[in-house]
Protein backbone atom coordinates (compact mmCIF):
# COMPACT_ATOMS: atom_id res chain seq x y z
CA UNK A 1 -18.96 -23.16 -35.62
CA UNK A 2 -16.65 -25.28 -37.74
CA UNK A 3 -15.28 -28.53 -36.34
CA UNK A 4 -11.50 -28.36 -36.07
CA UNK A 5 -11.27 -32.14 -36.47
CA UNK A 6 -13.01 -31.80 -39.84
CA UNK A 7 -10.60 -29.02 -40.83
CA UNK A 8 -7.64 -31.25 -39.94
CA UNK A 9 -8.97 -34.29 -41.80
CA UNK A 10 -10.13 -32.31 -44.86
CA UNK A 11 -7.78 -29.33 -44.95
CA UNK A 12 -7.57 -28.83 -48.72
CA UNK A 13 -11.29 -29.39 -49.26
CA UNK A 14 -12.05 -26.90 -46.48
CA UNK A 15 -9.76 -24.32 -48.09
CA UNK A 16 -11.39 -24.80 -51.49
CA UNK A 17 -14.84 -24.34 -49.98
CA UNK A 18 -13.77 -21.27 -48.00
CA UNK A 19 -12.42 -19.58 -51.14
CA UNK A 20 -16.01 -19.42 -52.44
CA UNK A 21 -16.69 -16.91 -49.68
CA UNK A 22 -14.27 -14.58 -51.47
CA UNK A 23 -13.41 -12.40 -48.45
CA UNK A 24 -11.85 -14.83 -45.97
CA UNK A 25 -8.15 -15.73 -45.86
CA UNK A 26 -7.63 -19.49 -46.14
CA UNK A 27 -4.44 -19.00 -44.07
CA UNK A 28 -6.78 -18.84 -41.07
CA UNK A 29 -7.26 -22.59 -41.40
CA UNK A 30 -3.50 -23.19 -41.23
CA UNK A 31 -3.32 -20.84 -38.25
CA UNK A 32 -6.03 -22.81 -36.49
CA UNK A 33 -4.34 -26.14 -37.09
CA UNK A 34 -1.02 -24.73 -35.86
CA UNK A 35 -2.71 -23.52 -32.68
CA UNK A 36 -4.31 -26.93 -32.25
CA UNK A 37 -0.90 -28.58 -32.59
CA UNK A 38 0.39 -26.30 -29.83
CA UNK A 39 -2.65 -27.14 -27.71
CA UNK A 40 -2.02 -30.88 -28.12
CA UNK A 41 1.67 -30.53 -27.24
CA UNK A 42 0.77 -28.50 -24.18
CA UNK A 43 -1.86 -31.07 -23.18
CA UNK A 44 0.70 -33.86 -23.52
CA UNK A 45 3.23 -31.95 -21.42
CA UNK A 46 0.55 -31.25 -18.83
CA UNK A 47 -0.52 -34.90 -18.70
CA UNK A 48 3.09 -36.01 -18.29
CA UNK A 49 3.71 -33.48 -15.54
CA UNK A 50 0.57 -34.49 -13.66
CA UNK A 51 1.51 -38.15 -14.04
CA UNK A 52 5.01 -37.45 -12.71
CA UNK A 53 3.53 -35.48 -9.83
CA UNK A 54 1.27 -38.37 -8.86
CA UNK A 55 4.09 -40.92 -9.15
CA UNK A 56 6.45 -38.76 -7.07
CA UNK A 57 3.78 -38.19 -4.41
CA UNK A 58 3.35 -41.95 -4.09
CA UNK A 59 7.14 -42.34 -3.72
CA UNK A 60 7.12 -39.76 -0.93
CA UNK A 61 4.50 -41.84 0.88
CA UNK A 62 6.66 -44.96 0.61
CA UNK A 63 9.78 -43.08 1.79
CA UNK A 64 7.94 -41.71 4.80
CA UNK A 65 6.70 -45.20 5.65
CA UNK A 66 10.29 -46.50 5.42
CA UNK A 67 11.66 -43.72 7.60
CA UNK A 68 13.53 -41.99 4.76
CA UNK A 69 12.46 -38.55 5.94
CA UNK A 70 15.30 -36.51 4.40
CA UNK A 71 14.86 -38.11 0.99
CA UNK A 72 11.12 -37.55 1.25
CA UNK A 73 11.58 -33.85 2.03
CA UNK A 74 13.79 -33.48 -1.06
CA UNK A 75 11.11 -35.15 -3.16
CA UNK A 76 8.50 -32.76 -1.74
CA UNK A 77 10.49 -29.86 -3.20
CA UNK A 78 10.34 -31.58 -6.58
CA UNK A 79 6.57 -32.06 -6.26
CA UNK A 80 6.15 -28.37 -5.46
CA UNK A 81 8.12 -27.49 -8.61
CA UNK A 82 6.00 -29.91 -10.67
CA UNK A 83 2.81 -28.32 -9.35
CA UNK A 84 4.02 -24.88 -10.40
CA UNK A 85 4.89 -26.30 -13.80
CA UNK A 86 1.45 -27.92 -14.07
CA UNK A 87 -0.29 -24.66 -13.17
CA UNK A 88 1.67 -22.83 -15.86
CA UNK A 89 0.85 -25.51 -18.43
CA UNK A 90 -2.85 -25.40 -17.49
CA UNK A 91 -2.88 -21.64 -17.95
CA UNK A 92 -1.04 -21.96 -21.26
CA UNK A 93 -3.46 -24.66 -22.46
CA UNK A 94 -6.50 -22.58 -21.50
CA UNK A 95 -5.07 -19.56 -23.32
CA UNK A 96 -4.45 -21.55 -26.52
CA UNK A 97 -7.92 -23.14 -26.33
CA UNK A 98 -9.48 -19.69 -25.94
CA UNK A 99 -7.54 -18.42 -28.97
CA UNK A 100 -8.75 -21.40 -31.00
CA UNK A 101 -12.37 -20.76 -29.97
CA UNK A 102 -12.15 -17.04 -30.78
CA UNK A 103 -10.63 -17.76 -34.18
CA UNK A 104 -13.28 -20.39 -34.95
CA UNK A 105 -15.98 -17.84 -34.11
CA UNK A 106 -14.65 -15.57 -36.86
CA UNK A 107 -14.79 -18.27 -39.54
CA UNK A 108 -18.03 -18.69 -41.52
CA UNK A 109 -19.56 -21.96 -42.58
CA UNK A 110 -18.05 -23.69 -45.60
CA UNK A 111 -20.19 -23.47 -48.76
CA UNK A 112 -21.40 -26.72 -50.30
CA UNK A 113 -19.89 -27.93 -53.58
CA UNK A 114 -22.95 -26.77 -55.55
CA UNK A 115 -22.65 -23.18 -54.27
CA UNK A 116 -21.19 -20.88 -56.95
CA UNK A 117 -18.12 -18.81 -56.13
CA UNK A 118 -18.70 -15.08 -56.24
CA UNK A 119 -18.41 -11.71 -54.55
CA UNK A 120 -21.96 -10.40 -54.24
CA UNK A 121 -25.55 -10.56 -55.50
CA UNK A 122 -24.38 -10.09 -59.09
CA UNK A 123 -22.90 -13.59 -58.97
CA UNK A 124 -26.02 -15.39 -57.72
CA UNK A 125 -27.61 -18.00 -59.99
CA UNK A 126 -31.28 -18.03 -61.00
CA UNK A 127 -32.48 -21.60 -60.45
CA UNK A 128 -36.05 -21.18 -61.70
CA UNK A 129 -38.85 -18.65 -61.92
CA UNK A 130 -42.61 -18.59 -62.19
CA UNK A 131 -45.69 -16.41 -62.43
CA UNK A 132 -46.51 -13.60 -64.82
CA UNK A 133 -45.20 -10.07 -64.37
CA UNK A 134 -48.27 -7.79 -64.64
CA UNK A 135 -48.54 -4.89 -67.07
CA UNK A 136 -50.77 -1.88 -66.55
CA UNK A 137 -52.69 0.42 -68.89
CA UNK A 138 -52.45 3.16 -66.26
CA UNK A 139 -49.68 4.67 -64.17
CA UNK A 140 -49.04 2.08 -61.47
CA UNK A 141 -48.29 3.47 -58.02
CA UNK A 142 -45.63 2.14 -55.61
CA UNK A 143 -46.93 0.69 -52.36
CA UNK A 144 -46.00 3.72 -50.24
CA UNK A 145 -48.40 5.80 -52.33
CA UNK A 146 -51.08 3.10 -52.30
CA UNK A 147 -50.90 2.68 -48.52
CA UNK A 148 -51.33 6.43 -48.07
CA UNK A 149 -54.14 6.62 -50.63
CA UNK A 150 -56.17 3.84 -48.98
CA UNK A 151 -55.05 4.56 -45.38
CA UNK A 152 -53.39 1.16 -44.91
CA UNK A 153 -50.00 2.08 -43.41
CA UNK A 154 -48.80 5.34 -41.85
CA UNK A 155 -45.03 5.63 -42.04
CA UNK A 156 -44.91 9.15 -40.60
CA UNK A 157 -46.92 8.12 -37.55
CA UNK A 158 -44.47 5.29 -36.90
CA UNK A 159 -41.64 7.78 -37.23
CA UNK A 160 -43.33 9.97 -34.61
CA UNK A 161 -43.95 7.13 -32.17
CA UNK A 162 -40.59 5.39 -32.54
CA UNK A 163 -38.51 6.34 -35.55
CA UNK A 164 -37.89 5.56 -39.20
CA UNK A 165 -38.48 1.91 -40.09
CA UNK A 166 -41.32 1.32 -37.61
CA UNK A 167 -44.58 1.65 -39.60
CA UNK A 168 -48.12 1.72 -38.19
CA UNK A 169 -50.59 -0.61 -39.96
CA UNK A 170 -54.19 0.63 -40.03
CA UNK A 171 -57.63 -0.87 -40.68
CA UNK A 172 -57.50 -3.10 -43.81
CA UNK A 173 -53.71 -2.80 -43.87
CA UNK A 174 -53.56 -4.34 -40.38
CA UNK A 175 -56.14 -6.98 -41.31
CA UNK A 176 -54.24 -7.93 -44.47
CA UNK A 177 -51.04 -8.24 -42.45
CA UNK A 178 -52.79 -10.48 -39.90
CA UNK A 179 -54.36 -12.52 -42.71
CA UNK A 180 -50.96 -13.26 -44.22
CA UNK A 181 -49.60 -14.41 -40.84
CA UNK A 182 -52.57 -16.76 -40.35
CA UNK A 183 -52.30 -18.10 -43.91
CA UNK A 184 -48.56 -18.80 -43.59
CA UNK A 185 -49.00 -20.52 -40.22
CA UNK A 186 -51.91 -22.64 -41.48
CA UNK A 187 -49.87 -23.77 -44.49
CA UNK A 188 -46.93 -24.64 -42.24
CA UNK A 189 -49.26 -26.65 -40.00
CA UNK A 190 -50.61 -28.55 -43.01
CA UNK A 191 -47.00 -29.40 -43.92
CA UNK A 192 -46.38 -30.92 -40.49
CA UNK A 193 -44.61 -28.06 -38.73
CA UNK A 194 -45.42 -27.69 -35.01
CA UNK A 195 -46.30 -24.11 -34.11
CA UNK A 196 -44.50 -22.24 -31.33
CA UNK A 197 -44.78 -18.77 -29.87
CA UNK A 198 -41.23 -18.18 -28.63
CA UNK A 199 -39.77 -15.29 -26.62
CA UNK A 200 -39.00 -12.27 -28.77
CA UNK A 201 -35.82 -11.54 -26.81
CA UNK A 202 -32.95 -13.97 -26.28
CA UNK A 203 -29.83 -14.17 -24.15
CA UNK A 204 -26.32 -14.05 -25.55
CA UNK A 205 -25.93 -17.86 -25.45
CA UNK A 206 -28.89 -18.23 -27.80
CA UNK A 207 -27.55 -15.58 -30.19
CA UNK A 208 -24.16 -17.33 -30.22
CA UNK A 209 -25.84 -20.69 -30.75
CA UNK A 210 -27.38 -19.76 -34.09
CA UNK A 211 -24.45 -17.63 -35.26
CA UNK A 212 -25.81 -14.08 -34.86
CA UNK A 213 -23.06 -13.36 -32.34
CA UNK A 214 -20.40 -12.26 -32.78
CA UNK A 215 -20.94 -11.85 -36.55
CA UNK A 216 -24.11 -9.70 -36.50
CA UNK A 217 -23.75 -8.00 -33.13
CA UNK A 218 -23.95 -4.50 -34.64
CA UNK A 219 -27.20 -5.37 -36.43
CA UNK A 220 -29.06 -6.53 -33.31
CA UNK A 221 -30.93 -4.37 -30.83
CA UNK A 222 -29.35 -4.95 -27.42
CA UNK A 223 -31.15 -4.43 -24.08
CA UNK A 224 -27.94 -3.72 -22.21
CA UNK A 225 -29.18 -3.76 -18.60
CA UNK A 226 -30.52 -7.32 -18.88
CA UNK A 227 -28.09 -8.38 -21.64
CA UNK A 228 -30.95 -9.54 -23.87
CA UNK A 229 -31.13 -9.22 -27.65
CA UNK A 230 -34.30 -8.49 -29.63
CA UNK A 231 -34.58 -11.31 -32.15
CA UNK A 232 -33.77 -10.66 -35.84
CA UNK A 233 -35.83 -13.76 -36.75
CA UNK A 234 -37.77 -16.51 -34.97
CA UNK A 235 -35.01 -18.88 -36.12
CA UNK A 236 -32.96 -17.83 -33.09
CA UNK A 237 -35.29 -18.77 -30.20
CA UNK A 238 -36.90 -21.71 -32.03
CA UNK A 239 -33.60 -23.41 -32.94
CA UNK A 240 -32.33 -22.82 -29.40
CA UNK A 241 -35.16 -24.96 -28.04
CA UNK A 242 -32.79 -27.83 -28.85
CA UNK A 243 -29.61 -26.29 -27.45
CA UNK A 244 -27.78 -28.84 -25.23
CA UNK A 245 -30.29 -31.55 -26.20
CA UNK A 246 -29.70 -35.10 -27.43
CA UNK A 247 -32.66 -36.25 -29.53
CA UNK A 248 -33.57 -39.75 -30.63
CA UNK A 249 -32.75 -40.60 -34.23
CA UNK A 250 -36.34 -41.73 -34.77
CA UNK A 251 -37.57 -38.21 -33.87
CA UNK A 252 -35.83 -36.66 -36.88
CA UNK A 253 -36.73 -34.54 -38.70
CA UNK A 254 -38.11 -32.17 -36.07
CA UNK A 255 -40.23 -29.52 -37.80
CA UNK A 256 -41.14 -26.23 -36.11
CA UNK A 257 -42.77 -22.98 -37.17
CA UNK A 258 -43.28 -19.64 -35.46
CA UNK A 259 -44.60 -16.17 -36.12
CA UNK A 260 -42.66 -13.30 -34.61
CA UNK A 261 -41.86 -9.66 -35.00
CA UNK A 262 -38.26 -9.24 -36.13
CA UNK A 263 -35.92 -6.42 -35.17
CA UNK A 264 -32.88 -5.36 -37.19
CA UNK A 265 -30.91 -2.16 -36.90
CA UNK A 266 -29.96 -2.25 -40.60
CA UNK A 267 -27.23 0.29 -39.91
CA UNK A 268 -26.26 2.33 -42.96
CA UNK A 269 -29.43 1.53 -44.94
CA UNK A 270 -30.79 4.53 -46.81
CA UNK A 271 -31.95 5.69 -50.25
CA UNK A 272 -34.76 4.88 -52.64
CA UNK A 273 -34.24 1.11 -52.41
CA UNK A 274 -35.25 1.11 -48.74
CA UNK A 275 -38.33 3.30 -49.09
CA UNK A 276 -41.69 2.22 -47.62
CA UNK A 277 -41.79 -1.49 -46.74
CA UNK A 278 -38.62 -2.37 -48.63
CA UNK A 279 -36.44 -2.31 -45.53
CA UNK A 280 -37.66 -1.92 -41.96
CA UNK A 281 -36.25 -2.03 -38.44
CA UNK A 282 -39.33 -3.92 -37.22
CA UNK A 283 -41.24 -6.36 -39.40
CA UNK A 284 -43.20 -9.61 -39.12
CA UNK A 285 -42.27 -13.02 -40.39
CA UNK A 286 -43.32 -16.66 -40.22
CA UNK A 287 -40.31 -18.96 -39.95
CA UNK A 288 -39.94 -22.70 -40.54
CA UNK A 289 -37.11 -24.56 -38.80
CA UNK A 290 -35.97 -28.15 -39.10
CA UNK A 291 -33.62 -30.33 -37.05
CA UNK A 292 -32.59 -33.05 -39.50
CA UNK A 293 -30.48 -36.19 -39.83
CA UNK A 294 -27.22 -35.39 -41.68
CA UNK A 295 -28.04 -38.03 -44.31
CA UNK A 296 -31.37 -36.35 -45.11
CA UNK A 297 -30.70 -32.63 -44.83
CA UNK A 298 -30.25 -32.06 -48.58
CA UNK A 299 -33.64 -33.63 -49.22
CA UNK A 300 -35.23 -31.68 -46.34
CA UNK A 301 -33.75 -28.46 -47.72
CA UNK A 302 -35.37 -29.06 -51.10
CA UNK A 303 -38.69 -29.82 -49.41
CA UNK A 304 -38.53 -26.50 -47.56
CA UNK A 305 -37.77 -24.67 -50.81
CA UNK A 306 -40.79 -26.33 -52.42
CA UNK A 307 -42.96 -25.29 -49.47
CA UNK A 308 -42.02 -21.62 -49.87
CA UNK A 309 -42.45 -21.82 -53.65
CA UNK A 310 -46.00 -23.10 -53.19
CA UNK A 311 -46.82 -20.09 -50.99
CA UNK A 312 -45.77 -17.51 -53.56
CA UNK A 313 -47.54 -19.50 -56.28
CA UNK A 314 -50.82 -19.52 -54.34
CA UNK A 315 -50.51 -15.77 -53.76
CA UNK A 316 -50.19 -15.35 -57.54
CA UNK A 317 -46.91 -13.46 -57.32
CA UNK A 318 -44.24 -13.54 -60.04
CA UNK A 319 -41.11 -14.97 -58.44
CA UNK A 320 -37.65 -16.31 -58.99
CA UNK A 321 -35.41 -18.57 -56.90
CA UNK A 322 -31.72 -17.76 -56.59
CA UNK A 323 -28.88 -19.98 -55.46
CA UNK A 324 -26.66 -17.55 -53.57
CA UNK A 325 -22.97 -17.38 -54.34
CA UNK A 326 -20.42 -17.82 -51.56
CA UNK A 327 -19.85 -14.09 -51.17
CA UNK A 328 -23.56 -13.30 -50.70
CA UNK A 329 -24.49 -16.10 -48.28
CA UNK A 330 -25.12 -15.61 -44.59
CA UNK A 331 -22.29 -16.30 -42.14
CA UNK A 332 -23.74 -19.58 -40.80
CA UNK A 333 -25.10 -21.01 -44.05
CA UNK A 334 -23.66 -23.85 -46.13
CA UNK A 335 -26.16 -23.21 -48.92
CA UNK A 336 -28.99 -20.70 -49.33
CA UNK A 337 -31.82 -20.26 -51.81
CA UNK A 338 -33.36 -16.79 -51.90
CA UNK A 339 -36.88 -16.11 -53.11
CA UNK A 340 -37.62 -12.81 -54.81
CA UNK A 341 -41.02 -11.50 -55.94
CA UNK A 342 -41.43 -8.87 -58.60
CA UNK A 343 -42.65 -5.42 -57.62
CA UNK A 344 -44.58 -4.16 -60.63
CA UNK A 345 -44.69 -0.48 -59.71
CA UNK A 346 -41.04 -0.34 -58.64
CA UNK A 347 -39.93 -2.55 -61.53
CA UNK A 348 -37.56 -4.51 -59.32
CA UNK A 349 -37.19 -7.82 -57.53
CA UNK A 350 -37.72 -7.90 -53.76
CA UNK A 351 -36.25 -10.62 -51.53
CA UNK A 352 -38.95 -12.27 -49.43
CA UNK A 353 -37.34 -15.49 -48.18
CA UNK A 354 -34.02 -17.19 -47.54
CA UNK A 355 -34.05 -20.96 -47.11
CA UNK A 356 -30.76 -22.25 -45.72
CA UNK A 357 -29.04 -25.46 -44.68
CA UNK A 358 -26.49 -24.83 -41.92
CA UNK A 359 -25.32 -28.45 -41.73
CA UNK A 360 -23.49 -28.81 -38.38
CA UNK A 361 -22.40 -25.17 -38.08
CA UNK A 362 -25.19 -24.21 -35.66
CA UNK A 363 -25.55 -27.60 -33.99
CA UNK A 364 -21.84 -27.61 -33.08
CA UNK A 365 -22.38 -24.32 -31.23
CA UNK A 366 -25.71 -25.48 -29.81
CA UNK A 367 -24.41 -28.93 -28.81
CA UNK A 368 -27.53 -30.37 -30.42
CA UNK A 369 -27.00 -34.04 -31.18
CA UNK A 370 -28.84 -37.28 -31.90
CA UNK A 371 -28.09 -40.79 -30.70
CA UNK A 372 -27.26 -42.95 -33.72
CA UNK A 373 -29.26 -46.19 -33.68
CA UNK A 374 -26.47 -48.05 -35.49
CA UNK A 375 -23.46 -47.41 -33.27
CA UNK A 376 -25.08 -45.71 -30.25
CA UNK A 377 -22.83 -42.67 -30.57
CA UNK A 378 -24.00 -39.07 -30.18
CA UNK A 379 -23.64 -37.14 -33.44
CA UNK A 380 -24.37 -33.59 -34.52
CA UNK A 381 -27.67 -32.93 -36.28
CA UNK A 382 -28.11 -30.61 -39.25
CA UNK A 383 -30.22 -27.47 -38.80
CA UNK A 384 -32.22 -25.69 -41.51
CA UNK A 385 -34.52 -22.71 -41.62
CA UNK A 386 -36.47 -20.55 -44.02
CA UNK A 387 -38.76 -17.53 -44.14
CA UNK A 388 -42.23 -18.73 -45.00
CA UNK A 389 -42.67 -15.85 -45.44
CA UNK A 390 -41.38 -12.36 -44.56
CA UNK A 391 -44.35 -10.04 -44.69
CA UNK A 392 -43.29 -6.50 -45.65
CA UNK A 393 -42.17 -7.12 -49.22
CA UNK A 394 -44.87 -9.74 -49.79
CA UNK A 395 -47.41 -7.12 -48.75
CA UNK A 396 -45.75 -4.51 -50.97
CA UNK A 397 -45.82 -6.85 -53.96
CA UNK A 398 -49.45 -7.83 -53.38
CA UNK A 399 -50.51 -4.19 -53.25
CA UNK A 400 -48.50 -3.13 -56.30
CA UNK A 401 -49.17 -6.13 -58.52
CA UNK A 402 -52.91 -6.31 -57.84
CA UNK A 403 -53.78 -2.62 -58.12
CA UNK A 404 -56.49 -1.40 -60.48
CA UNK A 405 -57.72 2.13 -61.24
CA UNK A 406 -60.50 1.50 -58.70
CA UNK A 407 -58.66 -0.29 -55.90
CA UNK A 408 -56.59 -3.34 -55.01
CA UNK A 409 -57.65 -6.96 -55.51
CA UNK A 410 -56.82 -9.42 -52.73
CA UNK A 411 -55.44 -12.90 -53.66
CA UNK A 412 -58.23 -15.47 -53.40
CA UNK A 413 -56.37 -17.66 -50.88
CA UNK A 414 -56.56 -14.78 -48.39
CA UNK A 415 -60.29 -14.01 -48.68
CA UNK A 416 -61.32 -16.26 -45.79
CA UNK A 417 -58.70 -14.57 -43.61
CA UNK A 418 -59.28 -10.93 -44.58
CA UNK A 419 -63.06 -10.97 -44.82
CA UNK A 420 -62.81 -8.74 -47.90
CA UNK A 421 -61.84 -9.29 -51.55
CA UNK A 422 -60.80 -5.77 -52.51
CA UNK A 423 -59.48 -2.58 -51.02
C-alpha cells in the first residue's frame, strides 16, 4: 500500500510514476490528498472539541465547589452538546479514514524510474539473453505429446479426478518434477536462503499483506466456510512470517525459500497457448523471498536475478530476461524482471520466473519494519521475491528442447536427483 505522506511530499513524481502503469487515473492521487486534508481538518476540529469539553468539565467542578449550582447546570448542557459534536466528528473522521484506506487499496505500486512506460507485454524490454535455441532434423513434438508417449503426465486423468488444469504426474514424470524441486531448493540453500515449509492456505490478513487482496481476489481459490485462501505462490505465507514484526537492522537482509504447490483460478484462460503445462490451476514452484534494507534493495534485486539466471544456465535452457513495462507489471511491484525459456517444439517463449522488488508497498501493509541503528527509529523494510523456479514450463522446455528420436535427455545437473539420464 502506498504511503500517503510520500504522495503528499512527492505528488508530481508519484503522478509521473503512476502514468507508466497506463491504466490508472492520476486524479486518484489528488482525490486522496483532498480526502486527507478533510481528515486533518476533522481531526483538528475533534481535538478542539475534546479540549473544550475537558476544560468546561473542569470549570463545572470549580463552580460546584464554589456553590454556583445554577451556572454549573447550564455548563453541563454545553458539555452534553460538545459530546454529541465530538461523537459526530469521530464518526466523520472514521468514515474519511476508511475512504482513504479503500482508495489506497485500489492504487498499485509506483514503478521505478528505470521501468519503461507501456501498455502490455509488447512494450517489455529484453535486457539480455543466453543459451542456444536447438534445431532438430526430425519433427519435434510438443510436451503434451511427449508426456503421453512416455507416460509422464496424464492430463485426462487429472481432468477426471478434479478438472482441467490439474495434471497427474506419473513414474519418471513425477521423479523429474521432484528432482527439479530438490535441485532448486539445494541451490537456494547454497545461496544462503533459509528453507521453510509454510501453510498452503492463508487467512485474508495475509493475502491483504502481500497485495493479493483485493486486487487478485477473483484469481484465488477461496475456502469460504473457514475464510481461507489457497496460496497462489509461497511468497504469500513466507513474507507474512514478518507481518507486524520489527527486525534488527543487523539482521537484514533476511533470505527465505520455500517449495509449495500454487493454486490459481486463471479465469478466462483458454486456447492453444494454455495447452498442456503452459497454464495450470495447480502447479509447483520454489520461491525465494528477501526482507531487505531500503538502501540495499536494488543490489539485492540484482543478486536475485543473477541467482535465477544461473539456474536456467545450469539446466542448459535458452532464455531471455525482460524488464516489464508499467502496464504489464504486477499490482504490488515497483520493478519486475521476467525470465522466459524457449520452447523448441512450440516455437515460443514461456515465462518461468518473475523477480520483483516491492519496495515498501508490501511492508506498509504488513507493518514490517526495522529499527535504524543511526536514529533508533522504526522504518519500513523493502520486500522482494522471485520464482526460482516455476516448474511446469521449465519441465515443458526440458522435455521439448532435449528430445531425440529415441527419447529425452535429462540435464546433467539433475542426474543425481532423478537417478536416470534419459527417458
